Amino acid sequence: MKKEVILLIFLLSIPLATANPEQELLNKINRERSINKLPPLKEASYLTTAAILHTKDMLENGYLEHTNLKNVSVYQRIINQGFKGGLIGENIGAHSGPINTSLIFQLWKASPPH
């Protein structure tokens, strides 16, 4: 089975400090991956759809978790959108104010594994 590395990005703040924060974050992540001799990540529309739906659910229901309130995991959410299987990862975060991709990226890097 082909292995894929998947990244889901949830941006929970409404005001935008940059025109395309998702692409800006992906660029930062890929620069870091390049430094560590890892292949770049690519955007996939089914992952974007899964991320948007989960983000809306978290905002509407007031929670910040990888598993939704109906106990559906990130893996099942992306399978539901067309993912064919492989390795996955998910980064989520929330803050107030304009999106600061540098801050988000630094917080993700400093976050202990869980």
N, C-alpha and C. Protein backbone atom coordinates (compact mmCIF):
# COMPACT_ATOMS: atom_id res chain seq x y z
N MET A 1 0.84 -1.19 0.00
CA MET A 1 0.00 0.00 0.00
C MET A 1 0.88 1.24 0.00
N LYS A 2 0.57 2.18 -0.85
CA LYS A 2 1.27 3.44 -0.91
C LYS A 2 1.03 4.22 0.38
N LYS A 3 2.10 4.76 0.95
CA LYS A 3 1.96 5.56 2.17
C LYS A 3 1.81 7.02 1.80
N GLU A 4 0.91 7.69 2.45
CA GLU A 4 0.70 9.12 2.27
C GLU A 4 0.84 9.80 3.62
N VAL A 5 1.34 10.99 3.59
CA VAL A 5 1.36 11.83 4.78
C VAL A 5 0.30 12.90 4.57
N ILE A 6 -0.60 13.01 5.51
CA ILE A 6 -1.75 13.90 5.37
C ILE A 6 -1.70 14.96 6.45
N LEU A 7 -2.03 16.15 6.08
CA LEU A 7 -2.10 17.25 7.03
C LEU A 7 -3.45 17.93 6.87
N LEU A 8 -4.16 18.05 7.97
CA LEU A 8 -5.41 18.82 7.97
C LEU A 8 -5.16 20.08 8.77
N ILE A 9 -5.57 21.18 8.23
CA ILE A 9 -5.37 22.45 8.91
C ILE A 9 -6.72 23.09 9.17
N PHE A 10 -6.99 23.35 10.44
CA PHE A 10 -8.22 24.03 10.82
C PHE A 10 -7.86 25.43 11.28
N LEU A 11 -8.38 26.42 10.62
CA LEU A 11 -8.15 27.80 11.01
C LEU A 11 -9.45 28.32 11.60
N LEU A 12 -9.47 28.49 12.91
CA LEU A 12 -10.72 28.77 13.60
C LEU A 12 -10.99 30.24 13.85
N SER A 13 -10.09 31.09 13.46
CA SER A 13 -10.29 32.52 13.67
C SER A 13 -10.84 33.14 12.40
N ILE A 14 -11.81 34.00 12.53
CA ILE A 14 -12.46 34.58 11.35
C ILE A 14 -11.61 35.68 10.68
N PRO A 15 -11.08 36.68 11.42
CA PRO A 15 -10.33 37.74 10.73
C PRO A 15 -9.06 37.18 10.09
N LEU A 16 -8.78 37.59 8.88
CA LEU A 16 -7.60 37.10 8.17
C LEU A 16 -6.54 38.18 8.09
N ALA A 17 -5.32 37.84 8.52
CA ALA A 17 -4.20 38.76 8.42
C ALA A 17 -3.48 38.58 7.09
N THR A 18 -3.77 37.51 6.40
CA THR A 18 -3.12 37.20 5.14
C THR A 18 -4.19 36.70 4.17
N ALA A 19 -3.95 36.87 2.89
CA ALA A 19 -4.95 36.52 1.88
C ALA A 19 -5.20 35.01 1.80
N ASN A 20 -4.18 34.20 2.02
CA ASN A 20 -4.32 32.76 1.90
C ASN A 20 -3.55 32.07 3.04
N PRO A 21 -4.11 32.08 4.26
CA PRO A 21 -3.37 31.52 5.40
C PRO A 21 -3.11 30.02 5.26
N GLU A 22 -4.01 29.29 4.62
CA GLU A 22 -3.79 27.85 4.46
C GLU A 22 -2.54 27.59 3.64
N GLN A 23 -2.39 28.31 2.51
CA GLN A 23 -1.21 28.14 1.67
C GLN A 23 0.05 28.61 2.39
N GLU A 24 -0.07 29.72 3.13
CA GLU A 24 1.07 30.23 3.88
C GLU A 24 1.55 29.21 4.91
N LEU A 25 0.61 28.57 5.62
CA LEU A 25 0.99 27.54 6.59
C LEU A 25 1.61 26.33 5.90
N LEU A 26 1.02 25.91 4.79
CA LEU A 26 1.57 24.78 4.05
C LEU A 26 3.00 25.08 3.59
N ASN A 27 3.25 26.31 3.15
CA ASN A 27 4.61 26.70 2.75
C ASN A 27 5.58 26.61 3.93
N LYS A 28 5.16 27.09 5.10
CA LYS A 28 6.01 27.02 6.29
C LYS A 28 6.30 25.56 6.66
N ILE A 29 5.27 24.75 6.63
CA ILE A 29 5.43 23.33 6.96
C ILE A 29 6.39 22.66 5.98
N ASN A 30 6.22 22.94 4.71
CA ASN A 30 7.08 22.32 3.71
C ASN A 30 8.52 22.80 3.78
N ARG A 31 8.74 24.06 4.16
CA ARG A 31 10.12 24.53 4.39
C ARG A 31 10.75 23.73 5.53
N GLU A 32 9.99 23.54 6.61
CA GLU A 32 10.49 22.76 7.75
C GLU A 32 10.75 21.31 7.34
N ARG A 33 9.85 20.73 6.58
CA ARG A 33 10.02 19.35 6.11
C ARG A 33 11.27 19.24 5.24
N SER A 34 11.51 20.23 4.39
CA SER A 34 12.69 20.22 3.53
C SER A 34 13.97 20.23 4.35
N ILE A 35 14.00 21.06 5.39
CA ILE A 35 15.16 21.11 6.29
C ILE A 35 15.42 19.74 6.89
N ASN A 36 14.35 19.01 7.18
CA ASN A 36 14.46 17.69 7.80
C ASN A 36 14.47 16.56 6.76
N LYS A 37 14.71 16.90 5.49
CA LYS A 37 14.83 15.92 4.40
C LYS A 37 13.57 15.07 4.22
N LEU A 38 12.41 15.70 4.41
CA LEU A 38 11.12 15.03 4.22
C LEU A 38 10.45 15.58 2.97
N PRO A 39 9.64 14.77 2.30
CA PRO A 39 8.96 15.26 1.10
C PRO A 39 7.89 16.28 1.45
N PRO A 40 7.58 17.16 0.51
CA PRO A 40 6.55 18.17 0.78
C PRO A 40 5.16 17.56 0.85
N LEU A 41 4.31 18.25 1.59
CA LEU A 41 2.89 17.89 1.65
C LEU A 41 2.16 18.64 0.55
N LYS A 42 1.07 18.07 0.08
CA LYS A 42 0.26 18.71 -0.96
C LYS A 42 -1.18 18.82 -0.48
N GLU A 43 -1.86 19.84 -0.95
CA GLU A 43 -3.26 20.01 -0.61
C GLU A 43 -4.09 18.98 -1.38
N ALA A 44 -5.12 18.46 -0.73
CA ALA A 44 -6.06 17.54 -1.36
C ALA A 44 -7.46 18.05 -1.07
N SER A 45 -8.30 18.14 -2.10
CA SER A 45 -9.62 18.75 -1.93
C SER A 45 -10.48 18.00 -0.92
N TYR A 46 -10.39 16.68 -0.87
CA TYR A 46 -11.19 15.93 0.10
C TYR A 46 -10.76 16.21 1.53
N LEU A 47 -9.47 16.51 1.73
CA LEU A 47 -9.02 16.87 3.07
C LEU A 47 -9.51 18.27 3.44
N THR A 48 -9.49 19.16 2.46
CA THR A 48 -10.00 20.51 2.71
C THR A 48 -11.47 20.45 3.10
N THR A 49 -12.24 19.64 2.38
CA THR A 49 -13.67 19.49 2.69
C THR A 49 -13.85 18.94 4.11
N ALA A 50 -13.10 17.89 4.45
CA ALA A 50 -13.20 17.32 5.80
C ALA A 50 -12.82 18.36 6.85
N ALA A 51 -11.80 19.15 6.59
CA ALA A 51 -11.34 20.17 7.54
C ALA A 51 -12.40 21.25 7.73
N ILE A 52 -12.99 21.70 6.63
CA ILE A 52 -14.01 22.75 6.72
C ILE A 52 -15.22 22.26 7.51
N LEU A 53 -15.68 21.05 7.20
CA LEU A 53 -16.84 20.51 7.91
C LEU A 53 -16.56 20.34 9.40
N HIS A 54 -15.37 19.86 9.75
CA HIS A 54 -15.04 19.67 11.16
C HIS A 54 -14.88 21.02 11.87
N THR A 55 -14.29 21.97 11.17
CA THR A 55 -14.13 23.30 11.75
C THR A 55 -15.48 23.93 12.06
N LYS A 56 -16.41 23.85 11.10
CA LYS A 56 -17.75 24.38 11.34
C LYS A 56 -18.41 23.69 12.52
N ASP A 57 -18.26 22.37 12.62
CA ASP A 57 -18.86 21.62 13.72
C ASP A 57 -18.27 22.07 15.06
N MET A 58 -16.95 22.23 15.11
CA MET A 58 -16.32 22.67 16.35
C MET A 58 -16.78 24.07 16.74
N LEU A 59 -16.86 24.96 15.76
CA LEU A 59 -17.30 26.33 16.05
C LEU A 59 -18.74 26.36 16.53
N GLU A 60 -19.62 25.63 15.84
CA GLU A 60 -21.04 25.62 16.18
C GLU A 60 -21.33 24.94 17.53
N ASN A 61 -20.48 23.98 17.90
CA ASN A 61 -20.75 23.21 19.12
C ASN A 61 -19.76 23.48 20.25
N GLY A 62 -18.86 24.42 20.06
CA GLY A 62 -17.99 24.89 21.13
C GLY A 62 -17.01 23.87 21.68
N TYR A 63 -16.28 23.20 20.83
CA TYR A 63 -15.26 22.26 21.29
C TYR A 63 -14.04 22.34 20.38
N LEU A 64 -12.92 21.81 20.81
CA LEU A 64 -11.69 21.76 20.03
C LEU A 64 -11.04 20.40 20.28
N GLU A 65 -11.37 19.45 19.46
CA GLU A 65 -10.90 18.07 19.63
C GLU A 65 -10.69 17.42 18.26
N HIS A 66 -9.87 16.39 18.23
CA HIS A 66 -9.66 15.62 17.00
C HIS A 66 -10.86 14.72 16.69
N THR A 67 -11.54 14.27 17.73
CA THR A 67 -12.74 13.42 17.57
C THR A 67 -13.96 14.29 17.81
N ASN A 68 -14.97 14.20 16.92
CA ASN A 68 -16.13 15.07 17.09
C ASN A 68 -17.05 14.57 18.20
N LEU A 69 -18.11 15.30 18.46
CA LEU A 69 -19.00 14.98 19.56
C LEU A 69 -19.82 13.71 19.32
N LYS A 70 -19.83 13.23 18.09
CA LYS A 70 -20.49 11.96 17.78
C LYS A 70 -19.49 10.81 17.77
N ASN A 71 -18.29 11.08 18.30
CA ASN A 71 -17.22 10.09 18.42
C ASN A 71 -16.68 9.62 17.07
N VAL A 72 -16.74 10.50 16.06
CA VAL A 72 -16.18 10.19 14.75
C VAL A 72 -14.75 10.73 14.71
N SER A 73 -13.81 9.85 14.42
CA SER A 73 -12.39 10.21 14.42
C SER A 73 -12.00 10.97 13.16
N VAL A 74 -10.83 11.59 13.21
CA VAL A 74 -10.30 12.27 12.03
C VAL A 74 -10.17 11.27 10.87
N TYR A 75 -9.72 10.08 11.16
CA TYR A 75 -9.55 9.07 10.11
C TYR A 75 -10.88 8.78 9.43
N GLN A 76 -11.93 8.58 10.20
CA GLN A 76 -13.24 8.28 9.62
C GLN A 76 -13.79 9.48 8.85
N ARG A 77 -13.55 10.69 9.38
CA ARG A 77 -14.02 11.89 8.67
C ARG A 77 -13.40 12.01 7.29
N ILE A 78 -12.10 11.71 7.17
CA ILE A 78 -11.48 11.86 5.85
C ILE A 78 -11.80 10.67 4.95
N ILE A 79 -12.01 9.49 5.52
CA ILE A 79 -12.50 8.34 4.72
C ILE A 79 -13.84 8.71 4.10
N ASN A 80 -14.70 9.35 4.91
CA ASN A 80 -16.02 9.75 4.43
C ASN A 80 -15.94 10.73 3.26
N GLN A 81 -14.82 11.44 3.13
CA GLN A 81 -14.65 12.42 2.06
C GLN A 81 -13.84 11.87 0.88
N GLY A 82 -13.43 10.59 0.94
CA GLY A 82 -12.75 10.01 -0.21
C GLY A 82 -11.33 9.54 0.00
N PHE A 83 -10.79 9.68 1.21
CA PHE A 83 -9.44 9.20 1.50
C PHE A 83 -9.39 7.70 1.36
N LYS A 84 -8.34 7.18 0.72
CA LYS A 84 -8.24 5.75 0.44
C LYS A 84 -7.38 4.99 1.46
N GLY A 85 -6.86 5.67 2.46
CA GLY A 85 -6.08 5.01 3.49
C GLY A 85 -4.62 5.42 3.43
N GLY A 86 -3.94 5.26 4.54
CA GLY A 86 -2.54 5.65 4.64
C GLY A 86 -2.28 6.32 5.98
N LEU A 87 -1.12 6.93 6.08
CA LEU A 87 -0.74 7.62 7.30
C LEU A 87 -1.41 8.99 7.34
N ILE A 88 -1.84 9.39 8.50
CA ILE A 88 -2.49 10.70 8.64
C ILE A 88 -1.96 11.44 9.85
N GLY A 89 -2.18 12.72 9.84
CA GLY A 89 -1.89 13.57 10.98
C GLY A 89 -2.85 14.73 10.93
N GLU A 90 -3.12 15.33 12.06
CA GLU A 90 -4.05 16.46 12.11
C GLU A 90 -3.53 17.47 13.10
N ASN A 91 -3.50 18.71 12.67
CA ASN A 91 -3.16 19.82 13.55
C ASN A 91 -4.38 20.71 13.67
N ILE A 92 -4.76 21.01 14.89
CA ILE A 92 -5.86 21.94 15.11
C ILE A 92 -5.41 22.99 16.11
N GLY A 93 -6.06 24.13 16.06
CA GLY A 93 -5.73 25.17 17.01
C GLY A 93 -6.75 26.28 16.94
N ALA A 94 -6.81 27.07 17.96
CA ALA A 94 -7.74 28.19 18.01
C ALA A 94 -7.09 29.34 18.75
N HIS A 95 -7.40 30.53 18.31
CA HIS A 95 -6.97 31.74 19.01
C HIS A 95 -7.88 32.86 18.59
N SER A 96 -7.80 33.97 19.26
CA SER A 96 -8.62 35.12 18.88
C SER A 96 -7.76 36.11 18.10
N GLY A 97 -8.41 36.93 17.34
CA GLY A 97 -7.71 37.93 16.55
C GLY A 97 -7.36 37.41 15.17
N PRO A 98 -6.66 38.24 14.40
CA PRO A 98 -6.29 37.84 13.05
C PRO A 98 -5.39 36.59 13.06
N ILE A 99 -5.52 35.80 12.03
CA ILE A 99 -4.69 34.60 11.92
C ILE A 99 -3.24 35.02 11.74
N ASN A 100 -2.38 34.47 12.56
CA ASN A 100 -0.94 34.72 12.49
C ASN A 100 -0.29 33.37 12.20
N THR A 101 0.02 33.12 10.94
CA THR A 101 0.53 31.79 10.58
C THR A 101 1.87 31.48 11.22
N SER A 102 2.69 32.50 11.46
CA SER A 102 3.97 32.25 12.13
C SER A 102 3.75 31.76 13.56
N LEU A 103 2.80 32.40 14.26
CA LEU A 103 2.48 31.99 15.63
C LEU A 103 1.88 30.58 15.64
N ILE A 104 0.93 30.32 14.75
CA ILE A 104 0.32 28.99 14.68
C ILE A 104 1.38 27.93 14.45
N PHE A 105 2.27 28.18 13.49
CA PHE A 105 3.30 27.21 13.16
C PHE A 105 4.23 26.96 14.36
N GLN A 106 4.63 28.03 15.04
CA GLN A 106 5.51 27.87 16.21
C GLN A 106 4.80 27.12 17.33
N LEU A 107 3.51 27.39 17.54
CA LEU A 107 2.77 26.66 18.58
C LEU A 107 2.66 25.18 18.24
N TRP A 108 2.41 24.87 16.98
CA TRP A 108 2.34 23.46 16.57
C TRP A 108 3.69 22.78 16.79
N LYS A 109 4.77 23.44 16.42
CA LYS A 109 6.11 22.84 16.58
C LYS A 109 6.43 22.61 18.06
N ALA A 110 5.97 23.52 18.92
CA ALA A 110 6.28 23.42 20.35
C ALA A 110 5.32 22.49 21.09
N SER A 111 4.24 22.08 20.44
CA SER A 111 3.25 21.23 21.09
C SER A 111 3.79 19.84 21.33
N PRO A 112 3.63 19.32 22.56
CA PRO A 112 4.11 17.95 22.81
C PRO A 112 3.26 16.94 22.03
N PRO A 113 3.88 15.86 21.61
CA PRO A 113 3.10 14.82 20.90
C PRO A 113 1.99 14.28 21.80
N HIS A 114 0.87 13.94 21.19
CA HIS A 114 -0.23 13.35 21.94
C HIS A 114 -1.02 12.44 21.03
